[in-house]
Amino acid sequence: MSNVDASGMLLYHNERIMTGGDVMRIVVTGANGQLGRAVVAHLQSHHDVVGLGHAEIELSQPATADVIAALRPAVIIHAAAMTNVDGCALDPDAAYRINALGTRWVAQAARRSNARMVAISTNEVFDGTATHPYAEYDIANPINPYARSKYAGEQAAREILDRLYVVRVAWLFGGERNFIRTVLRLANDRPVLRMVNDEIGSPTHAGDVAQALAQLITSDAYGTYHLVNEGACSRYDLAQAALTAAGRHHVALEPMALADYPRPGRVPLYTPLANHVGAAMGIRLRPWQAAVQAFVETIG
């Protein structure tokens, strides 16, 4: 269940956490976003979770640090971000204020609260020129304003904190707005869909990331992680898997090149992530195909 405290912030509670145990106050930024919602839903049955959205904090403002520090969190999961790649390309200054400086303000709150912080980052910090999945310590080389702002956020958090987990995710689905839902919506009206077949990445279920984070934040194994569903595919392959899972066998797919889909933001072609560090600790996510099947089944 949930209630609103005197400051107007949404607090999530249930009877289990009131009876004791290893209960932590966890602040989740971006609580109304795809990953934030999944994190809150997974953690609220075990912890005292405070979900913050845009109505509660403005990431571009230094006052964000004051608001979060006042909540005295034990853990901060920073999932809020400006994630629209094309929007960031059109307004790179806003992307930097929100994704880079915003992460700095959240990290300052964590330092003042002596809290652990999870900084959510992205596969797009890599330039896409590799021939194998990117490992956690491969050299980042972001090629668009979104990716540069997210990598700057990683650097800002590392500059301020020791008790930090940088968690890179990729191609998230699981909420109301994502690639899979778009494919299935388009399939309602079109007998043929054109899909990019030369952009390769790691499709990842937001709920699976939430479960992995629940394991991670109980450890003191700070550092950089790639928490993605196992395996990699193209956008074309992902669309095909979604259509098959939904029984839309009558919808045909036609391959197209990313270069034939002009957009303001340049996108790296090849950014699968390899989960080496988490896997060594026993934190693994299921194969992306199984995650897609499960997600499609939940949305009908």
C-alpha atoms as a PDB file:
ATOM      1  CA  MET A   1       0.000   0.000   0.000  1.00  0.00           C
ATOM      2  CA  SER A   2       1.100   3.625  -0.238  1.00  0.00           C
ATOM      3  CA  ASN A   3       0.477   6.950   1.408  1.00  0.00           C
ATOM      4  CA  VAL A   4       1.595  10.555   1.067  1.00  0.00           C
ATOM      5  CA  ASP A   5       3.726  12.124   3.768  1.00  0.00           C
ATOM      6  CA  ALA A   6       3.654  15.726   4.961  1.00  0.00           C
ATOM      7  CA  SER A   7       5.931  16.856   2.147  1.00  0.00           C
ATOM      8  CA  GLY A   8       3.580  15.442  -0.477  1.00  0.00           C
ATOM      9  CA  MET A   9       5.982  12.685  -1.514  1.00  0.00           C
ATOM     10  CA  LEU A  10       4.700   9.223  -2.230  1.00  0.00           C
ATOM     11  CA  LEU A  11       5.789   6.598   0.294  1.00  0.00           C
ATOM     12  CA  TYR A  12       5.346   2.881  -0.320  1.00  0.00           C
ATOM     13  CA  HIS A  13       4.760   0.634   2.667  1.00  0.00           C
ATOM     14  CA  ASN A  14       3.301  -2.719   3.561  1.00  0.00           C
ATOM     15  CA  GLU A  15       2.846  -4.759   6.695  1.00  0.00           C
ATOM     16  CA  ARG A  16       5.973  -6.822   6.107  1.00  0.00           C
ATOM     17  CA  ILE A  17       8.407  -3.932   6.392  1.00  0.00           C
ATOM     18  CA  MET A  18       6.767  -2.676   9.557  1.00  0.00           C
ATOM     19  CA  THR A  19       7.646  -5.926  11.363  1.00  0.00           C
ATOM     20  CA  GLY A  20      11.416  -5.468  11.150  1.00  0.00           C
ATOM     21  CA  GLY A  21      14.189  -7.179   9.201  1.00  0.00           C
ATOM     22  CA  ASP A  22      16.783  -5.636   6.932  1.00  0.00           C
ATOM     23  CA  VAL A  23      14.560  -2.778   5.867  1.00  0.00           C
ATOM     24  CA  MET A  24      16.182   0.178   4.121  1.00  0.00           C
ATOM     25  CA  ARG A  25      14.812   3.528   3.082  1.00  0.00           C
ATOM     26  CA  ILE A  26      15.345   3.584  -0.671  1.00  0.00           C
ATOM     27  CA  VAL A  27      14.779   6.680  -2.786  1.00  0.00           C
ATOM     28  CA  VAL A  28      14.002   5.976  -6.442  1.00  0.00           C
ATOM     29  CA  THR A  29      14.247   8.878  -8.877  1.00  0.00           C
ATOM     30  CA  GLY A  30      12.282   8.625 -12.093  1.00  0.00           C
ATOM     31  CA  ALA A  31       9.669   6.602 -10.230  1.00  0.00           C
ATOM     32  CA  ASN A  32       7.100   7.204 -12.972  1.00  0.00           C
ATOM     33  CA  GLY A  33       9.373   5.976 -15.760  1.00  0.00           C
ATOM     34  CA  GLN A  34       9.684   2.496 -17.180  1.00  0.00           C
ATOM     35  CA  LEU A  35      12.569   1.325 -15.001  1.00  0.00           C
ATOM     36  CA  GLY A  36      11.594   3.397 -11.967  1.00  0.00           C
ATOM     37  CA  ARG A  37       8.130   1.856 -11.842  1.00  0.00           C
ATOM     38  CA  ALA A  38       9.591  -1.642 -12.045  1.00  0.00           C
ATOM     39  CA  VAL A  39      12.097  -0.897  -9.270  1.00  0.00           C
ATOM     40  CA  VAL A  40       9.448   0.542  -6.951  1.00  0.00           C
ATOM     41  CA  ALA A  41       7.096  -2.374  -7.619  1.00  0.00           C
ATOM     42  CA  HIS A  42       9.796  -4.912  -6.826  1.00  0.00           C
ATOM     43  CA  LEU A  43      11.291  -3.249  -3.741  1.00  0.00           C
ATOM     44  CA  GLN A  44       8.229  -1.862  -1.984  1.00  0.00           C
ATOM     45  CA  SER A  45       7.275  -5.173  -0.390  1.00  0.00           C
ATOM     46  CA  HIS A  46      10.624  -5.393   1.417  1.00  0.00           C
ATOM     47  CA  HIS A  47      11.752  -1.819   1.984  1.00  0.00           C
ATOM     48  CA  ASP A  48      10.606   1.699   2.785  1.00  0.00           C
ATOM     49  CA  VAL A  49      10.549   3.121  -0.744  1.00  0.00           C
ATOM     50  CA  VAL A  50      10.184   6.786  -1.628  1.00  0.00           C
ATOM     51  CA  GLY A  51       9.426   7.314  -5.292  1.00  0.00           C
ATOM     52  CA  LEU A  52      10.296  10.719  -6.744  1.00  0.00           C
ATOM     53  CA  GLY A  53       9.051  11.969 -10.087  1.00  0.00           C
ATOM     54  CA  HIS A  54       9.275  15.218 -11.977  1.00  0.00           C
ATOM     55  CA  ALA A  55       6.672  16.788  -9.686  1.00  0.00           C
ATOM     56  CA  GLU A  56       8.978  16.310  -6.681  1.00  0.00           C
ATOM     57  CA  ILE A  57      12.432  17.041  -8.105  1.00  0.00           C
ATOM     58  CA  GLU A  58      13.812  19.017 -11.023  1.00  0.00           C
ATOM     59  CA  LEU A  59      17.077  17.303 -11.919  1.00  0.00           C
ATOM     60  CA  SER A  60      18.558  20.364 -13.574  1.00  0.00           C
ATOM     61  CA  GLN A  61      18.430  22.266 -10.263  1.00  0.00           C
ATOM     62  CA  PRO A  62      20.983  21.950  -7.419  1.00  0.00           C
ATOM     63  CA  ALA A  63      18.072  21.951  -4.940  1.00  0.00           C
ATOM     64  CA  THR A  64      17.545  18.317  -5.955  1.00  0.00           C
ATOM     65  CA  ALA A  65      20.363  17.442  -3.558  1.00  0.00           C
ATOM     66  CA  ASP A  66      18.558  19.136  -0.655  1.00  0.00           C
ATOM     67  CA  VAL A  67      15.250  17.390  -1.358  1.00  0.00           C
ATOM     68  CA  ILE A  68      16.782  13.918  -1.530  1.00  0.00           C
ATOM     69  CA  ALA A  69      19.191  14.363   1.391  1.00  0.00           C
ATOM     70  CA  ALA A  70      16.301  15.477   3.599  1.00  0.00           C
ATOM     71  CA  LEU A  71      14.726  12.047   3.129  1.00  0.00           C
ATOM     72  CA  ARG A  72      17.752  10.391   4.774  1.00  0.00           C
ATOM     73  CA  PRO A  73      17.961   7.443   2.369  1.00  0.00           C
ATOM     74  CA  ALA A  74      20.153   4.414   2.856  1.00  0.00           C
ATOM     75  CA  VAL A  75      20.136   3.791  -0.897  1.00  0.00           C
ATOM     76  CA  ILE A  76      19.382   6.016  -3.875  1.00  0.00           C
ATOM     77  CA  ILE A  77      18.495   4.388  -7.180  1.00  0.00           C
ATOM     78  CA  HIS A  78      18.856   7.130  -9.768  1.00  0.00           C
ATOM     79  CA  ALA A  79      16.743   6.058 -12.739  1.00  0.00           C
ATOM     80  CA  ALA A  80      15.530   9.515 -13.809  1.00  0.00           C
ATOM     81  CA  ALA A  81      16.965  10.858 -17.045  1.00  0.00           C
ATOM     82  CA  MET A  82      16.268  12.585 -20.319  1.00  0.00           C
ATOM     83  CA  THR A  83      16.261   9.445 -22.470  1.00  0.00           C
ATOM     84  CA  ASN A  84      14.917  10.641 -25.814  1.00  0.00           C
ATOM     85  CA  VAL A  85      17.986  10.309 -28.037  1.00  0.00           C
ATOM     86  CA  ASP A  86      16.623  12.617 -30.716  1.00  0.00           C
ATOM     87  CA  GLY A  87      15.356  15.119 -28.141  1.00  0.00           C
ATOM     88  CA  CYS A  88      18.833  15.240 -26.617  1.00  0.00           C
ATOM     89  CA  ALA A  89      20.327  15.829 -30.071  1.00  0.00           C
ATOM     90  CA  LEU A  90      17.971  18.756 -30.600  1.00  0.00           C
ATOM     91  CA  ASP A  91      18.691  20.239 -27.153  1.00  0.00           C
ATOM     92  CA  PRO A  92      22.091  19.008 -25.946  1.00  0.00           C
ATOM     93  CA  ASP A  93      22.296  21.679 -23.239  1.00  0.00           C
ATOM     94  CA  ALA A  94      19.115  20.355 -21.618  1.00  0.00           C
ATOM     95  CA  ALA A  95      20.467  16.811 -21.871  1.00  0.00           C
ATOM     96  CA  TYR A  96      23.639  17.869 -20.075  1.00  0.00           C
ATOM     97  CA  ARG A  97      21.787  19.758 -17.343  1.00  0.00           C
ATOM     98  CA  ILE A  98      19.494  16.803 -16.642  1.00  0.00           C
ATOM     99  CA  ASN A  99      21.678  13.765 -17.235  1.00  0.00           C
ATOM    100  CA  ALA A 100      25.099  15.044 -16.225  1.00  0.00           C
ATOM    101  CA  LEU A 101      24.494  17.796 -13.678  1.00  0.00           C
ATOM    102  CA  GLY A 102      21.331  16.095 -12.416  1.00  0.00           C
ATOM    103  CA  THR A 103      23.351  12.995 -11.581  1.00  0.00           C
ATOM    104  CA  ARG A 104      25.870  15.215  -9.825  1.00  0.00           C
ATOM    105  CA  TRP A 105      23.160  16.683  -7.579  1.00  0.00           C
ATOM    106  CA  VAL A 106      21.861  13.202  -6.754  1.00  0.00           C
ATOM    107  CA  ALA A 107      25.390  12.033  -5.957  1.00  0.00           C
ATOM    108  CA  GLN A 108      25.844  14.995  -3.633  1.00  0.00           C
ATOM    109  CA  ALA A 109      22.661  13.949  -1.822  1.00  0.00           C
ATOM    110  CA  ALA A 110      24.045  10.446  -1.462  1.00  0.00           C
ATOM    111  CA  ARG A 111      27.305  11.781  -0.025  1.00  0.00           C
ATOM    112  CA  ARG A 112      25.486  13.985   2.470  1.00  0.00           C
ATOM    113  CA  SER A 113      23.256  11.065   3.507  1.00  0.00           C
ATOM    114  CA  ASN A 114      26.067   8.498   3.561  1.00  0.00           C
ATOM    115  CA  ALA A 115      23.852   6.525   1.179  1.00  0.00           C
ATOM    116  CA  ARG A 116      24.728   3.991  -1.460  1.00  0.00           C
ATOM    117  CA  MET A 117      23.863   5.137  -4.952  1.00  0.00           C
ATOM    118  CA  VAL A 118      22.939   3.270  -8.107  1.00  0.00           C
ATOM    119  CA  ALA A 119      23.497   5.443 -11.187  1.00  0.00           C
ATOM    120  CA  ILE A 120      21.629   4.012 -14.164  1.00  0.00           C
ATOM    121  CA  SER A 121      23.530   4.482 -17.413  1.00  0.00           C
ATOM    122  CA  THR A 122      23.311   3.186 -20.963  1.00  0.00           C
ATOM    123  CA  ASN A 123      24.838   0.994 -23.642  1.00  0.00           C
ATOM    124  CA  GLU A 124      25.140   4.109 -25.785  1.00  0.00           C
ATOM    125  CA  VAL A 125      28.260   5.268 -23.940  1.00  0.00           C
ATOM    126  CA  PHE A 126      30.050   3.021 -26.449  1.00  0.00           C
ATOM    127  CA  ASP A 127      30.599   4.019 -30.075  1.00  0.00           C
ATOM    128  CA  GLY A 128      29.383   0.782 -31.658  1.00  0.00           C
ATOM    129  CA  THR A 129      32.595  -0.090 -33.507  1.00  0.00           C
ATOM    130  CA  ALA A 130      33.377  -3.255 -31.529  1.00  0.00           C
ATOM    131  CA  THR A 131      33.068  -6.772 -32.913  1.00  0.00           C
ATOM    132  CA  HIS A 132      32.183  -8.376 -29.580  1.00  0.00           C
ATOM    133  CA  PRO A 133      29.851  -7.392 -26.719  1.00  0.00           C
ATOM    134  CA  TYR A 134      31.203  -4.538 -24.659  1.00  0.00           C
ATOM    135  CA  ALA A 135      32.624  -5.466 -21.253  1.00  0.00           C
ATOM    136  CA  GLU A 136      32.301  -3.262 -18.200  1.00  0.00           C
ATOM    137  CA  TYR A 137      35.777  -1.739 -18.533  1.00  0.00           C
ATOM    138  CA  ASP A 138      35.945  -1.294 -22.287  1.00  0.00           C
ATOM    139  CA  ILE A 139      36.675   2.310 -23.208  1.00  0.00           C
ATOM    140  CA  ALA A 140      33.605   4.496 -23.541  1.00  0.00           C
ATOM    141  CA  ASN A 141      33.358   6.766 -26.566  1.00  0.00           C
ATOM    142  CA  PRO A 142      29.865   8.293 -26.791  1.00  0.00           C
ATOM    143  CA  ILE A 143      28.878   9.628 -30.208  1.00  0.00           C
ATOM    144  CA  ASN A 144      25.650  11.564 -29.565  1.00  0.00           C
ATOM    145  CA  PRO A 145      24.527  14.201 -27.044  1.00  0.00           C
ATOM    146  CA  TYR A 146      22.387  11.730 -25.091  1.00  0.00           C
ATOM    147  CA  ALA A 147      25.278   9.316 -24.654  1.00  0.00           C
ATOM    148  CA  ARG A 148      27.754  12.091 -23.838  1.00  0.00           C
ATOM    149  CA  SER A 149      25.447  13.457 -21.151  1.00  0.00           C
ATOM    150  CA  LYS A 150      24.945  10.005 -19.618  1.00  0.00           C
ATOM    151  CA  TYR A 151      28.671   9.286 -19.587  1.00  0.00           C
ATOM    152  CA  ALA A 152      29.278  12.674 -18.001  1.00  0.00           C
ATOM    153  CA  GLY A 153      26.779  11.626 -15.321  1.00  0.00           C
ATOM    154  CA  GLU A 154      28.798   8.460 -14.682  1.00  0.00           C
ATOM    155  CA  GLN A 155      31.940  10.576 -14.300  1.00  0.00           C
ATOM    156  CA  ALA A 156      30.229  13.054 -11.983  1.00  0.00           C
ATOM    157  CA  ALA A 157      29.003  10.293  -9.676  1.00  0.00           C
ATOM    158  CA  ARG A 158      32.409   8.601  -9.621  1.00  0.00           C
ATOM    159  CA  GLU A 159      34.048  11.925  -8.780  1.00  0.00           C
ATOM    160  CA  ILE A 160      31.898  12.371  -5.676  1.00  0.00           C
ATOM    161  CA  LEU A 161      31.175   8.875  -4.337  1.00  0.00           C
ATOM    162  CA  ASP A 162      32.958   5.747  -3.225  1.00  0.00           C
ATOM    163  CA  ARG A 163      29.786   3.799  -2.434  1.00  0.00           C
ATOM    164  CA  LEU A 164      28.574   3.761  -6.034  1.00  0.00           C
ATOM    165  CA  TYR A 165      27.199   1.213  -8.463  1.00  0.00           C
ATOM    166  CA  VAL A 166      27.154   2.366 -12.099  1.00  0.00           C
ATOM    167  CA  VAL A 167      24.653   0.130 -13.865  1.00  0.00           C
ATOM    168  CA  ARG A 168      24.407   0.212 -17.649  1.00  0.00           C
ATOM    169  CA  VAL A 169      21.225  -1.100 -19.210  1.00  0.00           C
ATOM    170  CA  ALA A 170      20.028  -1.273 -22.817  1.00  0.00           C
ATOM    171  CA  TRP A 171      16.912  -1.401 -24.995  1.00  0.00           C
ATOM    172  CA  LEU A 172      14.538  -1.429 -22.020  1.00  0.00           C
ATOM    173  CA  PHE A 173      11.000  -2.765 -22.230  1.00  0.00           C
ATOM    174  CA  GLY A 174       8.416  -3.676 -19.634  1.00  0.00           C
ATOM    175  CA  GLY A 175       6.385  -0.495 -19.261  1.00  0.00           C
ATOM    176  CA  GLU A 176       3.858   1.428 -21.304  1.00  0.00           C
ATOM    177  CA  ARG A 177       6.185   3.003 -23.877  1.00  0.00           C
ATOM    178  CA  ASN A 178       8.863   0.908 -25.540  1.00  0.00           C
ATOM    179  CA  PHE A 179       9.916  -0.650 -28.827  1.00  0.00           C
ATOM    180  CA  ILE A 180       7.914  -3.847 -28.364  1.00  0.00           C
ATOM    181  CA  ARG A 181       4.664  -2.040 -27.647  1.00  0.00           C
ATOM    182  CA  THR A 182       5.270   0.183 -30.673  1.00  0.00           C
ATOM    183  CA  VAL A 183       5.781  -2.841 -32.920  1.00  0.00           C
ATOM    184  CA  LEU A 184       2.594  -4.508 -31.704  1.00  0.00           C
ATOM    185  CA  ARG A 185       0.618  -1.290 -32.060  1.00  0.00           C
ATOM    186  CA  LEU A 186       1.803  -0.801 -35.634  1.00  0.00           C
ATOM    187  CA  ALA A 187       0.982  -4.426 -36.381  1.00  0.00           C
ATOM    188  CA  ASN A 188      -2.671  -3.692 -35.640  1.00  0.00           C
ATOM    189  CA  ASP A 189      -2.895  -1.457 -38.711  1.00  0.00           C
ATOM    190  CA  ARG A 190      -0.156  -2.521 -41.101  1.00  0.00           C
ATOM    191  CA  PRO A 191       0.370  -5.851 -42.875  1.00  0.00           C
ATOM    192  CA  VAL A 192       4.053  -5.040 -43.487  1.00  0.00           C
ATOM    193  CA  LEU A 193       6.545  -3.382 -41.128  1.00  0.00           C
ATOM    194  CA  ARG A 194      10.034  -2.155 -42.005  1.00  0.00           C
ATOM    195  CA  MET A 195      12.596  -2.772 -39.270  1.00  0.00           C
ATOM    196  CA  VAL A 196      16.279  -1.936 -38.929  1.00  0.00           C
ATOM    197  CA  ASN A 197      18.441  -5.024 -39.182  1.00  0.00           C
ATOM    198  CA  ASP A 198      21.934  -3.560 -38.684  1.00  0.00           C
ATOM    199  CA  GLU A 199      21.501  -1.995 -35.225  1.00  0.00           C
ATOM    200  CA  ILE A 200      22.458  -4.657 -32.665  1.00  0.00           C
ATOM    201  CA  GLY A 201      21.900  -4.485 -28.927  1.00  0.00           C
ATOM    202  CA  SER A 202      20.768  -6.230 -25.746  1.00  0.00           C
ATOM    203  CA  PRO A 203      16.969  -6.153 -25.200  1.00  0.00           C
ATOM    204  CA  THR A 204      16.329  -5.926 -21.466  1.00  0.00           C
ATOM    205  CA  HIS A 205      13.210  -6.353 -19.339  1.00  0.00           C
ATOM    206  CA  ALA A 206      12.891  -3.566 -16.764  1.00  0.00           C
ATOM    207  CA  GLY A 207      11.493  -6.024 -14.227  1.00  0.00           C
ATOM    208  CA  ASP A 208      14.553  -8.232 -14.584  1.00  0.00           C
ATOM    209  CA  VAL A 209      16.804  -5.230 -13.957  1.00  0.00           C
ATOM    210  CA  ALA A 210      14.778  -4.406 -10.835  1.00  0.00           C
ATOM    211  CA  GLN A 211      15.343  -7.920  -9.484  1.00  0.00           C
ATOM    212  CA  ALA A 212      19.060  -7.682 -10.222  1.00  0.00           C
ATOM    213  CA  LEU A 213      19.287  -4.318  -8.454  1.00  0.00           C
ATOM    214  CA  ALA A 214      17.599  -5.782  -5.393  1.00  0.00           C
ATOM    215  CA  GLN A 215      20.496  -8.249  -5.171  1.00  0.00           C
ATOM    216  CA  LEU A 216      23.161  -5.701  -5.955  1.00  0.00           C
ATOM    217  CA  ILE A 217      22.266  -3.077  -3.351  1.00  0.00           C
ATOM    218  CA  THR A 218      22.657  -5.573  -0.497  1.00  0.00           C
ATOM    219  CA  SER A 219      26.350  -5.977  -1.349  1.00  0.00           C
ATOM    220  CA  ASP A 220      29.321  -3.668  -0.908  1.00  0.00           C
ATOM    221  CA  ALA A 221      30.677  -4.680  -4.325  1.00  0.00           C
ATOM    222  CA  TYR A 222      30.711  -1.166  -5.720  1.00  0.00           C
ATOM    223  CA  GLY A 223      31.712  -0.522  -9.304  1.00  0.00           C
ATOM    224  CA  THR A 224      30.461  -0.796 -12.887  1.00  0.00           C
ATOM    225  CA  TYR A 225      27.907  -3.353 -14.038  1.00  0.00           C
ATOM    226  CA  HIS A 226      26.176  -4.341 -17.253  1.00  0.00           C
ATOM    227  CA  LEU A 227      22.765  -5.689 -16.240  1.00  0.00           C
ATOM    228  CA  VAL A 228      21.028  -6.808 -19.410  1.00  0.00           C
ATOM    229  CA  ASN A 229      19.176  -9.896 -20.526  1.00  0.00           C
ATOM    230  CA  GLU A 230      21.553 -12.444 -21.995  1.00  0.00           C
ATOM    231  CA  GLY A 231      22.176 -12.452 -25.717  1.00  0.00           C
ATOM    232  CA  ALA A 232      21.894  -9.838 -28.441  1.00  0.00           C
ATOM    233  CA  CYS A 233      19.865  -9.197 -31.553  1.00  0.00           C
ATOM    234  CA  SER A 234      18.904  -6.603 -34.148  1.00  0.00           C
ATOM    235  CA  ARG A 235      15.811  -4.417 -34.002  1.00  0.00           C
ATOM    236  CA  TYR A 236      14.472  -6.628 -36.808  1.00  0.00           C
ATOM    237  CA  ASP A 237      15.016  -9.782 -34.714  1.00  0.00           C
ATOM    238  CA  LEU A 238      13.408  -8.163 -31.673  1.00  0.00           C
ATOM    239  CA  ALA A 239      10.353  -7.150 -33.689  1.00  0.00           C
ATOM    240  CA  GLN A 240      10.071 -10.667 -35.083  1.00  0.00           C
ATOM    241  CA  ALA A 241      10.244 -12.184 -31.609  1.00  0.00           C
ATOM    242  CA  ALA A 242       7.538  -9.809 -30.359  1.00  0.00           C
ATOM    243  CA  LEU A 243       5.233 -10.565 -33.287  1.00  0.00           C
ATOM    244  CA  THR A 244       5.735 -14.303 -32.887  1.00  0.00           C
ATOM    245  CA  ALA A 245       5.052 -14.153 -29.153  1.00  0.00           C
ATOM    246  CA  ALA A 246       1.861 -12.194 -29.841  1.00  0.00           C
ATOM    247  CA  GLY A 247       0.692 -14.605 -32.527  1.00  0.00           C
ATOM    248  CA  ARG A 248       0.881 -11.932 -35.248  1.00  0.00           C
ATOM    249  CA  HIS A 249       2.214 -14.346 -37.846  1.00  0.00           C
ATOM    250  CA  HIS A 250       0.343 -12.564 -40.631  1.00  0.00           C
ATOM    251  CA  VAL A 251       2.459  -9.415 -40.269  1.00  0.00           C
ATOM    252  CA  ALA A 252       5.465  -9.372 -42.583  1.00  0.00           C
ATOM    253  CA  LEU A 253       8.781  -7.732 -41.782  1.00  0.00           C
ATOM    254  CA  GLU A 254      11.070  -6.055 -44.284  1.00  0.00           C
ATOM    255  CA  PRO A 255      14.696  -5.313 -43.342  1.00  0.00           C
ATOM    256  CA  MET A 256      16.116  -1.836 -43.686  1.00  0.00           C
ATOM    257  CA  ALA A 257      19.405  -0.158 -42.809  1.00  0.00           C
ATOM    258  CA  LEU A 258      19.694   2.304 -39.952  1.00  0.00           C
ATOM    259  CA  ALA A 259      21.130   4.783 -42.433  1.00  0.00           C
ATOM    260  CA  ASP A 260      17.815   4.700 -44.304  1.00  0.00           C
ATOM    261  CA  TYR A 261      15.990   5.935 -41.197  1.00  0.00           C
ATOM    262  CA  PRO A 262      17.127   9.552 -40.826  1.00  0.00           C
ATOM    263  CA  ARG A 263      16.934  11.019 -37.327  1.00  0.00           C
ATOM    264  CA  PRO A 264      18.559  13.909 -35.424  1.00  0.00           C
ATOM    265  CA  GLY A 265      20.562  11.680 -33.094  1.00  0.00           C
ATOM    266  CA  ARG A 266      23.351   9.455 -34.409  1.00  0.00           C
ATOM    267  CA  VAL A 267      22.948   5.929 -33.040  1.00  0.00           C
ATOM    268  CA  PRO A 268      25.820   3.443 -32.540  1.00  0.00           C
ATOM    269  CA  LEU A 269      25.296   0.313 -34.646  1.00  0.00           C
ATOM    270  CA  TYR A 270      26.643  -2.376 -32.330  1.00  0.00           C
ATOM    271  CA  THR A 271      26.311  -2.060 -28.551  1.00  0.00           C
ATOM    272  CA  PRO A 272      25.518  -5.434 -26.950  1.00  0.00           C
ATOM    273  CA  LEU A 273      26.654  -5.470 -23.326  1.00  0.00           C
ATOM    274  CA  ALA A 274      28.431  -8.364 -21.634  1.00  0.00           C
ATOM    275  CA  ASN A 275      27.573  -9.035 -17.992  1.00  0.00           C
ATOM    276  CA  HIS A 276      30.879 -10.281 -16.589  1.00  0.00           C
ATOM    277  CA  VAL A 277      31.014  -8.636 -13.159  1.00  0.00           C
ATOM    278  CA  GLY A 278      27.434  -9.290 -12.092  1.00  0.00           C
ATOM    279  CA  ALA A 279      27.525 -12.866 -13.373  1.00  0.00           C
ATOM    280  CA  ALA A 280      30.655 -13.536 -11.307  1.00  0.00           C
ATOM    281  CA  MET A 281      28.591 -12.518  -8.256  1.00  0.00           C
ATOM    282  CA  GLY A 282      25.653 -14.705  -9.269  1.00  0.00           C
ATOM    283  CA  ILE A 283      23.577 -11.869 -10.729  1.00  0.00           C
ATOM    284  CA  ARG A 284      22.386 -12.999 -14.146  1.00  0.00           C
ATOM    285  CA  LEU A 285      19.357 -12.070 -16.224  1.00  0.00           C
ATOM    286  CA  ARG A 286      17.469 -14.597 -18.332  1.00  0.00           C
ATOM    287  CA  PRO A 287      17.882 -14.746 -22.146  1.00  0.00           C
ATOM    288  CA  TRP A 288      16.211 -11.859 -23.955  1.00  0.00           C
ATOM    289  CA  GLN A 289      13.920 -14.207 -25.895  1.00  0.00           C
ATOM    290  CA  ALA A 290      12.361 -15.534 -22.675  1.00  0.00           C
ATOM    291  CA  ALA A 291      11.966 -12.014 -21.324  1.00  0.00           C
ATOM    292  CA  VAL A 292      10.202 -10.858 -24.500  1.00  0.00           C
ATOM    293  CA  GLN A 293       7.869 -13.846 -24.432  1.00  0.00           C
ATOM    294  CA  ALA A 294       6.967 -13.180 -20.804  1.00  0.00           C
ATOM    295  CA  PHE A 295       6.370  -9.471 -21.413  1.00  0.00           C
ATOM    296  CA  VAL A 296       4.150 -10.022 -24.431  1.00  0.00           C
ATOM    297  CA  GLU A 297       2.096 -12.549 -22.482  1.00  0.00           C
ATOM    298  CA  THR A 298       1.467  -9.990 -19.737  1.00  0.00           C
ATOM    299  CA  ILE A 299       0.165  -7.355 -22.136  1.00  0.00           C
ATOM    300  CA  GLY A 300      -2.003  -9.736 -24.149  1.00  0.00           C
END
